[in-house]
């Protein structure tokens, strides 16, 4: 297993490059999930619930593997 640089399009990580692990035959996963956690400005004493930002593989753009922002899901 290795890792390949991919480009993220849209969402909170727009334009960023990320290393994504490949499978045994150097294939990329269909989706990448970026969790967002923490305490934000004017937040309560409790940390905010985790939010998963989902990016979907869209193929190559300008010779670089790319993922497009798909959706956001909140976790309890």
C-alpha atoms as a PDB file:
ATOM      1  CA  UNK A   1       0.000   0.000   0.000  1.00  0.00           C
ATOM      2  CA  UNK A   2       1.195   3.430  -0.885  1.00  0.00           C
ATOM      3  CA  UNK A   3      -0.212   6.931  -1.012  1.00  0.00           C
ATOM      4  CA  UNK A   4      -1.044   9.257  -3.883  1.00  0.00           C
ATOM      5  CA  UNK A   5      -1.425  13.041  -3.826  1.00  0.00           C
ATOM      6  CA  UNK A   6      -4.978  14.058  -4.685  1.00  0.00           C
ATOM      7  CA  UNK A   7      -6.602  17.442  -5.183  1.00  0.00           C
ATOM      8  CA  UNK A   8      -9.775  18.382  -3.268  1.00  0.00           C
ATOM      9  CA  UNK A   9     -12.398  20.490  -5.063  1.00  0.00           C
ATOM     10  CA  UNK A  10     -15.092  22.424  -3.211  1.00  0.00           C
ATOM     11  CA  UNK A  11     -16.117  22.261   0.434  1.00  0.00           C
ATOM     12  CA  UNK A  12     -14.002  23.373   3.383  1.00  0.00           C
ATOM     13  CA  UNK A  13     -10.761  21.970   1.927  1.00  0.00           C
ATOM     14  CA  UNK A  14     -11.112  23.453  -1.570  1.00  0.00           C
ATOM     15  CA  UNK A  15      -7.881  23.523  -3.520  1.00  0.00           C
ATOM     16  CA  UNK A  16      -5.872  21.535  -0.991  1.00  0.00           C
ATOM     17  CA  UNK A  17      -3.647  18.602  -1.834  1.00  0.00           C
ATOM     18  CA  UNK A  18      -3.945  15.537   0.383  1.00  0.00           C
ATOM     19  CA  UNK A  19      -2.156  12.186   0.531  1.00  0.00           C
ATOM     20  CA  UNK A  20      -4.636   9.307   0.186  1.00  0.00           C
ATOM     21  CA  UNK A  21      -3.704   5.686   0.830  1.00  0.00           C
ATOM     22  CA  UNK A  22      -4.139   3.265  -2.038  1.00  0.00           C
ATOM     23  CA  UNK A  23      -5.243  -0.357  -1.884  1.00  0.00           C
ATOM     24  CA  UNK A  24      -3.152  -3.429  -2.766  1.00  0.00           C
ATOM     25  CA  UNK A  25      -3.378  -2.697  -6.517  1.00  0.00           C
ATOM     26  CA  UNK A  26      -2.759   1.076  -6.166  1.00  0.00           C
ATOM     27  CA  UNK A  27      -6.449   1.935  -6.509  1.00  0.00           C
ATOM     28  CA  UNK A  28      -7.920   4.962  -4.767  1.00  0.00           C
ATOM     29  CA  UNK A  29     -11.021   4.797  -2.539  1.00  0.00           C
ATOM     30  CA  UNK A  30     -14.337   6.005  -4.004  1.00  0.00           C
ATOM     31  CA  UNK A  31     -14.750   8.508  -1.161  1.00  0.00           C
ATOM     32  CA  UNK A  32     -12.564  10.336   1.344  1.00  0.00           C
ATOM     33  CA  UNK A  33     -14.053  11.516   4.645  1.00  0.00           C
ATOM     34  CA  UNK A  34     -12.501  14.511   6.414  1.00  0.00           C
ATOM     35  CA  UNK A  35     -13.764  14.878   9.998  1.00  0.00           C
ATOM     36  CA  UNK A  36     -14.136  18.348  11.511  1.00  0.00           C
ATOM     37  CA  UNK A  37     -14.122  18.638  15.305  1.00  0.00           C
ATOM     38  CA  UNK A  38     -13.316  21.197  17.939  1.00  0.00           C
ATOM     39  CA  UNK A  39     -14.508  24.242  19.782  1.00  0.00           C
ATOM     40  CA  UNK A  40     -15.368  27.319  17.749  1.00  0.00           C
ATOM     41  CA  UNK A  41     -15.556  31.042  18.541  1.00  0.00           C
ATOM     42  CA  UNK A  42     -18.524  31.839  20.822  1.00  0.00           C
ATOM     43  CA  UNK A  43     -19.043  28.116  21.438  1.00  0.00           C
ATOM     44  CA  UNK A  44     -20.462  26.625  24.618  1.00  0.00           C
ATOM     45  CA  UNK A  45     -18.329  24.803  27.146  1.00  0.00           C
ATOM     46  CA  UNK A  46     -18.990  21.618  25.190  1.00  0.00           C
ATOM     47  CA  UNK A  47     -17.063  20.906  21.984  1.00  0.00           C
ATOM     48  CA  UNK A  48     -19.049  20.986  18.778  1.00  0.00           C
ATOM     49  CA  UNK A  49     -20.255  17.625  17.439  1.00  0.00           C
ATOM     50  CA  UNK A  50     -18.079  15.976  14.815  1.00  0.00           C
ATOM     51  CA  UNK A  51     -19.010  16.734  11.213  1.00  0.00           C
ATOM     52  CA  UNK A  52     -17.785  14.529   8.373  1.00  0.00           C
ATOM     53  CA  UNK A  53     -17.068  16.208   5.045  1.00  0.00           C
ATOM     54  CA  UNK A  54     -17.287  13.649   2.245  1.00  0.00           C
ATOM     55  CA  UNK A  55     -15.336  13.985  -1.002  1.00  0.00           C
ATOM     56  CA  UNK A  56     -16.129  11.740  -4.006  1.00  0.00           C
ATOM     57  CA  UNK A  57     -13.489  10.590  -6.510  1.00  0.00           C
ATOM     58  CA  UNK A  58     -14.044  12.222  -9.913  1.00  0.00           C
ATOM     59  CA  UNK A  59     -11.020  11.029 -11.906  1.00  0.00           C
ATOM     60  CA  UNK A  60      -8.108  13.129 -13.068  1.00  0.00           C
ATOM     61  CA  UNK A  61      -8.012  16.886 -13.604  1.00  0.00           C
ATOM     62  CA  UNK A  62      -4.871  18.307 -15.234  1.00  0.00           C
ATOM     63  CA  UNK A  63      -3.029  15.043 -14.571  1.00  0.00           C
ATOM     64  CA  UNK A  64      -3.810  14.926 -10.838  1.00  0.00           C
ATOM     65  CA  UNK A  65      -6.353  12.638  -9.174  1.00  0.00           C
ATOM     66  CA  UNK A  66      -9.246  14.723  -7.865  1.00  0.00           C
ATOM     67  CA  UNK A  67     -12.070  14.432  -5.349  1.00  0.00           C
ATOM     68  CA  UNK A  68     -15.170  16.663  -5.456  1.00  0.00           C
ATOM     69  CA  UNK A  69     -16.996  17.777  -2.320  1.00  0.00           C
ATOM     70  CA  UNK A  70     -20.062  15.570  -2.086  1.00  0.00           C
ATOM     71  CA  UNK A  71     -21.894  16.214   1.152  1.00  0.00           C
ATOM     72  CA  UNK A  72     -21.657  16.998   4.824  1.00  0.00           C
ATOM     73  CA  UNK A  73     -23.053  14.724   7.486  1.00  0.00           C
ATOM     74  CA  UNK A  74     -23.294  15.409  11.182  1.00  0.00           C
ATOM     75  CA  UNK A  75     -22.576  12.672  13.690  1.00  0.00           C
ATOM     76  CA  UNK A  76     -24.235  12.464  17.103  1.00  0.00           C
END
